[in-house]
Amino acid sequence: MSPIISFLFSLAVTIKLALAACLFLVLASTIVLPLTYYYFKYTFKSEKLKRGDQLSVGIFHPYANAGGGGEKVLWVALRALLEKYPQAIFYIYTGDIEFSPLEIKRKVKNSLNVEINSDRVKFVYLTKRKWVEACMYPIFTLLGQILGSVYLSLEAISKVNPDIFIDTTGFTFSLPLFKFLGGCKTGCYVHYPIITKDMLRRVQSRRSMYNNRNFIVKSSTLTYTKLIYYHFIAWLYDLAGNCSDATIVNSTFTLENLQILWNTPMSLVYPPCEVEHLKKIQRNPEKPTKIRILSLAQFRPEKDHPLQLQALYELREIVPDNVFDNVTLVLCGGCRNQGDSERIKDLQDLSKHLSLENNVEFRVNIPYSELLDEFSKAYIGIHTMLDEHFGISVVEQMAAGLIMAAHKSGGPLLDIIETSEGSRLGFLANTADEFAHILKWIIEAREVEIVDIREKARASCERFSVKKFEDDFLRAIEPIFK
């Protein structure tokens, strides 16, 4: 066979394959996908009709047993909804398959001080939760988690398709499935936007962080590629967010960022903070001999616990030894999984490396009764997360009478801590050195100065109470219950 004939034969085969691929895509987009869509829509509608006329509400919270601030929102909101809508049955979608409903409710009571006893609360256990965890995607983590959340949502809707669907974790890409396949009214409570203008700015300025690794920072090509990738994710995020019929955000920080990304009305509802009984904790006006600095945050990378240890290390350099010997940093927080356990071990190793092991305590997954005891014994509170979306623990420590030092960003900066003289509610800092000098000032401050800050901070916490959250949340979510 001559070369020309051979070439023409290969070309003909290639054209046939290309035409076959085009035909397949046309058939898929015009026949297969629509048929699949209507099949699932009919299936989910039929499943809903079988349950009868009782109003059903699905709440998507794959980590319902984690015991953090997001879970506080879930359970306080559920308690308010149970009282407001006695005719409704509530389904909690959770991936905590190793815990029974009784065990979850017991932890909610012990860790979050929220009691849920109603038999109208049902748990829908999801087995595909691992696909939303960052560790599953060493590259393109955000996109992987988005696809994972869609996969997890498919499992959820295939088990129970409710009349009303509410996402309380930030898995916004669950909304289109429940809205278009399930025919649900949809709502969401957003704790933290997955993309922010500050994230884009940090990538563009090539700043290394836990979510912007060194090898990307060092390459202009990879940095540019990541910017394109982030803008693509932002576009998808906008499409998904507009599938919400009632959007609620938890802070000014989240509101400002989502208003840039989503073209949809939003309600600002601050998270519920335990302030009433914490404000009743008696504080001795005299400075204690032993200074306990309380850190209250889950052991997640973004909480930046190493910065607290570095601040304590810097503090040792600027106060007398006899003062520092009486200072203890108490790290209280929830441990969710193996990754968190490894982070705790790394923090313990870091404290030893900095020769701080005698000045640091770790209190992991302690019950609420023991946390109250820590509130009463502590003198100072510290919170170091950059761009903390709100900061429930910051408010609760202020309500308990602790003098607060928090990161100068996000919720603490925009919503919680006023730092102007005469109206000071606490302190804000960016670096370990700044935190150290704030801690030094608080330790050395006169009692009258401490009492003044404490009283003003406690008074300011009323705007973040559980009662205020319940009233504002019910008002904001009401449109999808009509």
Protein backbone atom coordinates (compact mmCIF):
# COMPACT_ATOMS: atom_id res chain seq x y z
CA MET A 1 0.00 0.00 0.00
CA SER A 2 1.40 3.36 -1.03
CA PRO A 3 2.09 6.05 1.59
CA ILE A 4 -0.61 8.33 0.10
CA ILE A 5 -3.28 5.62 0.26
CA SER A 6 -2.20 4.72 3.78
CA PHE A 7 -2.45 8.37 4.84
CA LEU A 8 -5.91 8.77 3.25
CA PHE A 9 -7.09 5.58 4.96
CA SER A 10 -5.84 6.84 8.37
CA LEU A 11 -7.49 10.22 7.73
CA ALA A 12 -10.80 8.54 6.87
CA VAL A 13 -10.67 6.47 10.05
CA THR A 14 -9.87 9.57 12.13
CA ILE A 15 -12.77 11.50 10.58
CA LYS A 16 -15.13 8.60 11.28
CA LEU A 17 -14.02 8.44 14.90
CA ALA A 18 -14.43 12.20 15.25
CA LEU A 19 -17.91 12.06 13.74
CA ALA A 20 -18.84 9.17 16.02
CA ALA A 21 -17.59 11.14 19.05
CA CYS A 22 -19.59 14.21 17.95
CA LEU A 23 -22.69 12.07 17.43
CA PHE A 24 -22.24 10.55 20.89
CA LEU A 25 -21.94 14.00 22.47
CA VAL A 26 -25.03 15.24 20.60
CA LEU A 27 -27.02 12.19 21.68
CA ALA A 28 -25.77 12.52 25.26
CA SER A 29 -26.65 16.21 25.51
CA THR A 30 -30.01 15.99 23.73
CA ILE A 31 -31.31 12.57 24.75
CA VAL A 32 -29.32 10.76 27.47
CA LEU A 33 -28.83 13.69 29.88
CA PRO A 34 -32.43 14.96 29.66
CA LEU A 35 -33.78 11.43 30.10
CA THR A 36 -31.49 10.90 33.10
CA TYR A 37 -32.59 14.23 34.58
CA TYR A 38 -36.31 13.49 34.21
CA TYR A 39 -35.85 9.94 35.49
CA PHE A 40 -34.24 11.13 38.71
CA LYS A 41 -36.70 14.00 39.05
CA TYR A 42 -39.65 11.60 38.71
CA THR A 43 -38.04 9.12 41.12
CA PHE A 44 -37.40 11.74 43.81
CA LYS A 45 -40.88 13.24 43.37
CA SER A 46 -42.49 9.81 43.74
CA GLU A 47 -40.48 9.14 46.90
CA LYS A 48 -41.67 12.44 48.35
CA LEU A 49 -45.35 11.70 47.54
CA LYS A 50 -45.17 8.33 49.31
CA ARG A 51 -44.41 10.07 52.61
CA GLY A 52 -47.74 11.91 52.60
CA ASP A 53 -48.60 15.53 53.40
CA GLN A 54 -46.49 16.08 56.51
CA LEU A 55 -43.99 18.89 55.94
CA SER A 56 -40.44 17.50 55.72
CA VAL A 57 -37.29 19.57 56.20
CA GLY A 58 -33.82 18.31 55.34
CA ILE A 59 -30.78 19.92 56.95
CA PHE A 60 -27.43 19.11 55.34
CA HIS A 61 -24.64 18.96 57.91
CA PRO A 62 -22.19 16.07 57.22
CA TYR A 63 -20.18 16.81 60.40
CA ALA A 64 -23.13 17.19 62.77
CA ASN A 65 -21.16 15.61 65.63
CA ALA A 66 -18.06 17.82 65.36
CA GLY A 67 -18.94 20.07 68.31
CA GLY A 68 -17.74 23.38 66.82
CA GLY A 69 -19.31 26.76 66.13
CA GLY A 70 -20.96 25.55 62.93
CA GLU A 71 -22.63 22.76 64.86
CA LYS A 72 -23.82 25.26 67.45
CA VAL A 73 -25.68 27.04 64.63
CA LEU A 74 -27.18 23.75 63.42
CA TRP A 75 -28.57 22.61 66.75
CA VAL A 76 -29.81 25.98 68.01
CA ALA A 77 -31.49 26.60 64.63
CA LEU A 78 -33.07 23.12 64.76
CA ARG A 79 -34.36 23.71 68.27
CA ALA A 80 -35.97 26.99 67.15
CA LEU A 81 -37.49 25.36 64.04
CA LEU A 82 -38.94 22.50 66.09
CA GLU A 83 -40.78 24.98 68.27
CA LYS A 84 -41.87 27.24 65.39
CA TYR A 85 -43.12 24.46 63.10
CA PRO A 86 -44.68 21.67 65.24
CA GLN A 87 -46.20 20.03 62.14
CA ALA A 88 -42.80 19.43 60.47
CA ILE A 89 -40.44 16.47 60.58
CA PHE A 90 -36.71 17.22 60.35
CA TYR A 91 -34.04 15.07 58.68
CA ILE A 92 -30.38 15.67 59.57
CA TYR A 93 -28.01 14.48 56.84
CA THR A 94 -24.80 13.46 58.61
CA GLY A 95 -21.75 11.37 57.83
CA ASP A 96 -21.18 10.43 61.48
CA ILE A 97 -22.06 6.80 60.81
CA GLU A 98 -20.12 5.54 63.84
CA PHE A 99 -22.40 7.41 66.28
CA SER A 100 -26.01 6.61 67.13
CA PRO A 101 -28.65 9.39 67.30
CA LEU A 102 -28.58 9.11 71.08
CA GLU A 103 -24.79 9.54 71.19
CA ILE A 104 -24.94 12.58 68.90
CA LYS A 105 -27.67 14.21 70.98
CA ARG A 106 -25.73 13.48 74.17
CA LYS A 107 -22.62 15.18 72.78
CA VAL A 108 -24.71 18.16 71.62
CA LYS A 109 -25.98 18.51 75.18
CA ASN A 110 -22.60 18.02 76.85
CA SER A 111 -20.40 20.00 74.45
CA LEU A 112 -22.74 22.69 73.11
CA ASN A 113 -25.31 23.01 75.89
CA VAL A 114 -28.21 22.44 73.45
CA GLU A 115 -30.85 19.83 74.28
CA ILE A 116 -32.72 18.08 71.43
CA ASN A 117 -35.34 15.57 72.62
CA SER A 118 -37.99 15.67 69.90
CA ASP A 119 -38.94 12.45 68.10
CA ARG A 120 -39.52 14.61 64.99
CA VAL A 121 -35.76 14.66 64.41
CA LYS A 122 -34.50 11.85 62.18
CA PHE A 123 -30.90 11.12 61.19
CA VAL A 124 -30.03 10.23 57.60
CA TYR A 125 -26.60 8.62 57.61
CA LEU A 126 -24.32 9.29 54.64
CA THR A 127 -21.49 6.89 53.81
CA LYS A 128 -19.70 8.98 51.16
CA ARG A 129 -18.50 11.79 53.43
CA LYS A 130 -14.82 11.13 52.82
CA TRP A 131 -15.22 12.60 49.32
CA VAL A 132 -15.67 16.13 50.72
CA GLU A 133 -12.48 16.01 52.80
CA ALA A 134 -9.48 17.98 51.60
CA CYS A 135 -7.06 15.10 52.19
CA MET A 136 -8.67 13.22 49.28
CA TYR A 137 -7.43 15.81 46.77
CA PRO A 138 -3.71 16.66 46.88
CA ILE A 139 -4.21 18.98 43.88
CA PHE A 140 -7.27 20.94 42.73
CA THR A 141 -8.58 20.55 46.27
CA LEU A 142 -11.47 22.99 45.97
CA LEU A 143 -12.74 21.46 42.74
CA GLY A 144 -12.40 17.98 44.20
CA GLN A 145 -14.38 18.96 47.29
CA ILE A 146 -17.06 20.57 45.12
CA LEU A 147 -17.48 17.38 43.07
CA GLY A 148 -17.34 15.38 46.29
CA SER A 149 -20.14 17.48 47.81
CA VAL A 150 -22.28 16.88 44.71
CA TYR A 151 -21.65 13.14 45.04
CA LEU A 152 -22.52 13.27 48.76
CA SER A 153 -25.65 15.30 47.99
CA LEU A 154 -26.78 12.68 45.48
CA GLU A 155 -26.55 10.09 48.23
CA ALA A 156 -28.53 12.36 50.55
CA ILE A 157 -31.38 13.11 48.13
CA SER A 158 -31.59 9.45 47.09
CA LYS A 159 -32.31 8.55 50.73
CA VAL A 160 -34.71 11.37 51.63
CA ASN A 161 -36.04 14.10 49.33
CA PRO A 162 -37.62 16.72 51.62
CA ASP A 163 -40.03 19.58 50.88
CA ILE A 164 -37.53 22.12 52.21
CA PHE A 165 -33.75 21.76 52.08
CA ILE A 166 -31.33 23.84 54.18
CA ASP A 167 -27.53 23.66 53.99
CA THR A 168 -25.86 24.77 57.23
CA THR A 169 -22.24 23.90 56.46
CA GLY A 170 -21.29 25.79 53.30
CA PHE A 171 -21.72 22.91 50.84
CA THR A 172 -23.45 25.29 48.45
CA PHE A 173 -23.25 22.88 45.51
CA SER A 174 -25.85 20.69 47.20
CA LEU A 175 -28.48 23.38 46.52
CA PRO A 176 -28.90 22.89 42.72
CA LEU A 177 -29.52 19.14 43.16
CA PHE A 178 -32.24 19.58 45.75
CA LYS A 179 -33.79 22.54 43.92
CA PHE A 180 -33.91 21.14 40.38
CA LEU A 181 -33.91 17.36 40.90
CA GLY A 182 -35.80 17.31 44.19
CA GLY A 183 -38.13 20.24 43.56
CA CYS A 184 -37.34 21.58 47.05
CA LYS A 185 -37.45 25.09 48.39
CA THR A 186 -33.87 25.79 49.39
CA GLY A 187 -32.04 27.86 51.98
CA CYS A 188 -28.51 28.11 53.33
CA TYR A 189 -26.60 29.50 56.27
CA VAL A 190 -23.13 30.45 55.03
CA HIS A 191 -20.29 30.51 57.56
CA TYR A 192 -17.45 31.19 55.17
CA PRO A 193 -17.28 31.83 51.40
CA ILE A 194 -15.11 29.24 49.65
CA ILE A 195 -13.52 32.02 47.59
CA THR A 196 -12.76 35.53 48.86
CA LYS A 197 -11.13 38.62 47.42
CA ASP A 198 -8.37 38.24 50.00
CA MET A 199 -7.63 34.69 48.80
CA LEU A 200 -7.26 35.97 45.23
CA ARG A 201 -5.05 38.81 46.46
CA ARG A 202 -2.77 36.44 48.39
CA VAL A 203 -2.35 34.14 45.41
CA GLN A 204 -1.65 37.11 43.14
CA SER A 205 0.93 38.52 45.57
CA ARG A 206 2.45 35.00 45.84
CA ARG A 207 2.11 34.70 49.59
CA SER A 208 2.70 31.24 51.08
CA MET A 209 -0.07 29.85 53.32
CA TYR A 210 -1.63 26.52 54.27
CA ASN A 211 -3.85 26.80 51.15
CA ASN A 212 -1.17 28.29 48.83
CA ARG A 213 1.86 26.02 48.81
CA ASN A 214 5.47 27.04 48.27
CA PHE A 215 5.96 25.42 44.88
CA ILE A 216 3.03 27.49 43.53
CA VAL A 217 4.33 30.67 45.14
CA LYS A 218 7.73 30.20 43.48
CA SER A 219 6.29 29.80 39.96
CA SER A 220 4.67 32.68 38.10
CA THR A 221 3.08 30.22 35.66
CA LEU A 222 1.50 28.16 38.43
CA THR A 223 0.36 31.32 40.21
CA TYR A 224 -1.37 32.56 37.04
CA THR A 225 -2.92 29.12 36.51
CA LYS A 226 -4.23 29.08 40.07
CA LEU A 227 -5.78 32.53 39.61
CA ILE A 228 -7.65 31.28 36.53
CA TYR A 229 -8.70 28.20 38.48
CA TYR A 230 -9.98 30.35 41.39
CA HIS A 231 -11.98 32.58 39.04
CA PHE A 232 -13.54 29.48 37.46
CA ILE A 233 -14.49 28.18 40.92
CA ALA A 234 -15.96 31.61 41.78
CA TRP A 235 -18.13 31.46 38.64
CA LEU A 236 -19.43 28.00 39.56
CA TYR A 237 -19.96 29.17 43.14
CA ASP A 238 -22.07 32.08 41.88
CA LEU A 239 -24.29 29.72 39.86
CA ALA A 240 -24.79 27.41 42.84
CA GLY A 241 -25.42 30.27 45.28
CA ASN A 242 -28.22 31.64 43.14
CA CYS A 243 -30.10 28.37 43.70
CA SER A 244 -30.81 29.46 47.28
CA ASP A 245 -34.29 30.85 47.99
CA ALA A 246 -33.22 32.17 51.39
CA THR A 247 -29.56 33.04 51.96
CA ILE A 248 -28.32 33.78 55.48
CA VAL A 249 -24.75 34.82 56.33
CA ASN A 250 -23.07 34.84 59.72
CA SER A 251 -20.93 37.99 59.65
CA THR A 252 -20.06 41.24 57.90
CA PHE A 253 -16.95 39.55 56.50
CA THR A 254 -19.00 36.80 54.84
CA LEU A 255 -21.66 39.27 53.69
CA GLU A 256 -19.15 41.59 52.00
CA ASN A 257 -17.42 38.73 50.18
CA LEU A 258 -20.62 36.99 49.05
CA GLN A 259 -22.14 40.23 47.79
CA ILE A 260 -19.21 40.40 45.38
CA LEU A 261 -19.73 36.79 44.24
CA TRP A 262 -23.52 36.23 44.38
CA ASN A 263 -26.23 38.43 42.94
CA THR A 264 -28.90 37.47 45.46
CA PRO A 265 -30.53 39.05 48.56
CA MET A 266 -28.97 38.04 51.90
CA SER A 267 -29.78 38.29 55.59
CA LEU A 268 -27.08 38.87 58.20
CA VAL A 269 -27.74 36.73 61.29
CA TYR A 270 -24.96 36.48 63.85
CA PRO A 271 -24.33 32.96 65.22
CA PRO A 272 -25.71 32.01 68.65
CA CYS A 273 -23.29 32.67 71.47
CA GLU A 274 -23.75 31.51 75.06
CA VAL A 275 -23.69 34.85 76.85
CA GLU A 276 -26.30 34.85 79.61
CA HIS A 277 -24.84 32.25 81.97
CA LEU A 278 -21.25 33.15 80.98
CA LYS A 279 -21.85 36.76 82.03
CA LYS A 280 -22.82 35.42 85.45
CA ILE A 281 -19.37 33.94 86.05
CA GLN A 282 -17.91 35.86 88.96
CA ARG A 283 -14.56 37.54 88.31
CA ASN A 284 -12.22 38.55 91.08
CA PRO A 285 -11.26 42.19 90.50
CA GLU A 286 -7.77 41.39 91.77
CA LYS A 287 -5.25 40.01 89.29
CA PRO A 288 -4.62 36.27 89.81
CA THR A 289 -1.17 35.06 90.72
CA LYS A 290 -1.26 32.48 87.96
CA ILE A 291 -2.29 33.79 84.53
CA ARG A 292 -4.18 31.32 82.34
CA ILE A 293 -4.56 32.22 78.64
CA LEU A 294 -7.47 30.34 77.08
CA SER A 295 -7.55 29.32 73.42
CA LEU A 296 -10.87 27.86 72.27
CA ALA A 297 -10.92 26.53 68.69
CA GLN A 298 -11.10 23.24 66.83
CA PHE A 299 -7.70 21.84 65.92
CA ARG A 300 -7.94 22.75 62.25
CA PRO A 301 -5.04 24.24 60.23
CA GLU A 302 -6.74 27.58 59.60
CA LYS A 303 -7.05 28.24 63.34
CA ASP A 304 -3.26 28.74 63.38
CA HIS A 305 -2.45 27.37 66.84
CA PRO A 306 1.31 27.55 66.07
CA LEU A 307 0.98 31.35 66.08
CA GLN A 308 -0.21 31.14 69.69
CA LEU A 309 2.82 29.11 70.68
CA GLN A 310 5.09 31.57 68.87
CA ALA A 311 3.39 34.45 70.71
CA LEU A 312 4.00 32.68 74.02
CA TYR A 313 7.65 32.19 73.03
CA GLU A 314 7.96 35.92 72.26
CA LEU A 315 6.25 36.77 75.55
CA ARG A 316 8.96 34.90 77.45
CA GLU A 317 11.53 37.28 75.94
CA ILE A 318 9.83 40.46 77.18
CA VAL A 319 8.60 39.62 80.71
CA PRO A 320 10.57 38.61 83.83
CA ASP A 321 11.11 34.88 84.38
CA ASN A 322 9.12 34.87 87.61
CA VAL A 323 6.13 36.30 85.71
CA PHE A 324 6.39 33.92 82.76
CA ASP A 325 6.69 30.89 85.06
CA ASN A 326 3.13 31.62 86.19
CA VAL A 327 1.70 31.93 82.65
CA THR A 328 -0.11 28.95 81.09
CA LEU A 329 -1.60 28.71 77.60
CA VAL A 330 -4.58 26.32 77.66
CA LEU A 331 -5.53 24.95 74.23
CA CYS A 332 -9.16 23.75 74.30
CA GLY A 333 -10.81 22.40 71.19
CA GLY A 334 -12.51 19.62 69.30
CA CYS A 335 -10.62 16.87 67.50
CA ARG A 336 -12.63 15.59 64.51
CA ASN A 337 -10.43 12.99 62.85
CA GLN A 338 -6.95 11.55 62.37
CA GLY A 339 -5.73 14.73 60.68
CA ASP A 340 -6.67 16.78 63.75
CA SER A 341 -4.97 14.23 66.03
CA GLU A 342 -1.76 14.59 64.05
CA ARG A 343 -2.00 18.37 64.30
CA ILE A 344 -2.29 18.11 68.08
CA LYS A 345 0.80 15.90 68.18
CA ASP A 346 2.66 18.44 66.01
CA LEU A 347 1.64 21.24 68.38
CA GLN A 348 2.86 19.24 71.38
CA ASP A 349 6.17 18.67 69.59
CA LEU A 350 6.42 22.37 68.73
CA SER A 351 5.81 23.36 72.36
CA LYS A 352 8.67 21.08 73.40
CA HIS A 353 10.91 22.43 70.65
CA LEU A 354 10.27 25.96 71.96
CA SER A 355 10.79 24.77 75.57
CA LEU A 356 7.20 25.73 76.43
CA GLU A 357 5.91 22.33 77.55
CA ASN A 358 5.67 23.54 81.17
CA ASN A 359 3.56 26.51 80.09
CA VAL A 360 1.09 24.77 77.75
CA GLU A 361 -1.89 22.51 78.45
CA PHE A 362 -4.00 20.63 75.89
CA ARG A 363 -7.69 20.04 76.69
CA VAL A 364 -9.17 18.05 73.81
CA ASN A 365 -12.90 17.27 73.39
CA ILE A 366 -13.75 18.27 76.94
CA PRO A 367 -17.43 18.38 78.02
CA TYR A 368 -19.16 21.72 78.43
CA SER A 369 -19.05 21.51 82.23
CA GLU A 370 -15.24 21.37 82.15
CA LEU A 371 -15.13 24.17 79.58
CA LEU A 372 -17.11 26.37 81.97
CA ASP A 373 -14.48 25.64 84.59
CA GLU A 374 -11.76 26.76 82.15
CA PHE A 375 -13.71 29.97 81.48
CA SER A 376 -13.80 30.75 85.19
CA LYS A 377 -10.08 30.05 85.75
CA ALA A 378 -8.73 31.92 82.68
CA TYR A 379 -7.73 35.58 82.71
CA ILE A 380 -6.97 36.19 79.02
CA GLY A 381 -8.46 34.80 75.80
CA ILE A 382 -6.57 34.37 72.52
CA HIS A 383 -7.77 33.60 68.97
CA THR A 384 -5.36 33.63 66.03
CA MET A 385 -7.27 32.56 62.90
CA LEU A 386 -6.73 34.80 59.88
CA ASP A 387 -10.07 35.87 58.35
CA GLU A 388 -12.15 34.11 60.99
CA HIS A 389 -15.63 34.36 59.48
CA PHE A 390 -17.18 35.33 62.81
CA GLY A 391 -15.72 33.93 66.04
CA ILE A 392 -18.28 32.45 68.45
CA SER A 393 -15.53 31.51 70.89
CA VAL A 394 -14.29 35.12 70.88
CA VAL A 395 -17.72 36.37 71.99
CA GLU A 396 -18.12 33.63 74.59
CA GLN A 397 -14.75 34.37 76.15
CA MET A 398 -15.59 38.08 76.31
CA ALA A 399 -18.95 37.25 77.92
CA ALA A 400 -17.11 35.13 80.50
CA GLY A 401 -14.99 38.16 81.43
CA LEU A 402 -11.73 37.25 79.71
CA ILE A 403 -9.64 40.02 78.16
CA MET A 404 -9.55 39.08 74.49
CA ALA A 405 -6.66 39.21 72.01
CA ALA A 406 -7.77 38.16 68.50
CA HIS A 407 -6.48 38.31 64.94
CA LYS A 408 -6.98 41.66 63.25
CA SER A 409 -9.21 40.36 60.44
CA GLY A 410 -12.60 38.85 59.67
CA GLY A 411 -15.33 38.81 62.31
CA PRO A 412 -13.24 39.93 65.31
CA LEU A 413 -12.21 43.07 63.39
CA LEU A 414 -15.49 43.86 61.62
CA ASP A 415 -18.15 42.72 64.11
CA ILE A 416 -16.90 41.93 67.59
CA ILE A 417 -13.94 43.86 69.02
CA GLU A 418 -13.84 47.64 69.19
CA THR A 419 -10.32 48.88 69.96
CA SER A 420 -10.66 52.68 70.10
CA GLU A 421 -9.68 54.26 73.40
CA GLY A 422 -12.68 54.87 75.63
CA SER A 423 -14.67 52.12 73.90
CA ARG A 424 -12.14 49.30 74.00
CA LEU A 425 -13.59 45.78 74.15
CA GLY A 426 -10.35 43.88 73.58
CA PHE A 427 -7.23 43.82 71.41
CA LEU A 428 -6.36 42.91 67.81
CA ALA A 429 -3.01 41.77 66.40
CA ASN A 430 -1.42 40.26 63.29
CA THR A 431 1.96 38.84 64.29
CA ALA A 432 3.40 36.78 67.14
CA ASP A 433 5.31 39.82 68.35
CA GLU A 434 2.16 41.96 68.41
CA PHE A 435 0.26 39.28 70.31
CA ALA A 436 3.14 38.98 72.79
CA HIS A 437 3.17 42.71 73.53
CA ILE A 438 -0.63 42.71 73.99
CA LEU A 439 -0.36 39.81 76.44
CA LYS A 440 2.38 41.69 78.30
CA TRP A 441 0.20 44.81 78.53
CA ILE A 442 -2.78 42.82 79.87
CA ILE A 443 -0.63 41.04 82.45
CA GLU A 444 0.89 44.32 83.67
CA ALA A 445 -2.26 46.50 83.37
CA ARG A 446 -3.84 48.10 86.40
CA GLU A 447 -6.94 46.40 87.78
CA VAL A 448 -9.14 49.40 87.01
CA GLU A 449 -8.15 49.25 83.34
CA ILE A 450 -8.94 45.51 83.14
CA VAL A 451 -12.32 45.93 84.88
CA ASP A 452 -13.30 48.73 82.48
CA ILE A 453 -12.52 46.62 79.38
CA ARG A 454 -14.22 43.58 80.90
CA GLU A 455 -17.47 45.36 81.74
CA LYS A 456 -17.76 47.01 78.32
CA ALA A 457 -16.97 43.74 76.54
CA ARG A 458 -19.56 41.82 78.53
CA ALA A 459 -22.23 44.44 77.83
CA SER A 460 -21.48 44.31 74.09
CA CYS A 461 -22.16 40.56 73.89
CA GLU A 462 -25.95 40.91 74.12
CA ARG A 463 -26.18 41.51 70.35
CA PHE A 464 -24.86 37.94 69.83
CA SER A 465 -27.14 36.06 72.25
CA VAL A 466 -28.86 32.75 71.51
CA LYS A 467 -32.29 34.42 71.76
CA LYS A 468 -31.28 37.08 69.23
CA PHE A 469 -30.06 34.38 66.83
CA GLU A 470 -33.25 32.35 67.14
CA ASP A 471 -35.48 35.36 66.42
CA ASP A 472 -33.40 36.61 63.49
CA PHE A 473 -32.89 33.13 61.98
CA LEU A 474 -36.62 32.29 62.04
CA ARG A 475 -37.43 35.63 60.44
CA ALA A 476 -34.85 35.13 57.67
CA ILE A 477 -35.77 31.50 56.89
CA GLU A 478 -39.56 32.03 57.05
CA PRO A 479 -40.06 32.74 53.28
CA ILE A 480 -39.25 29.13 52.31
CA PHE A 481 -41.74 27.79 54.89
CA LYS A 482 -44.67 29.75 53.52
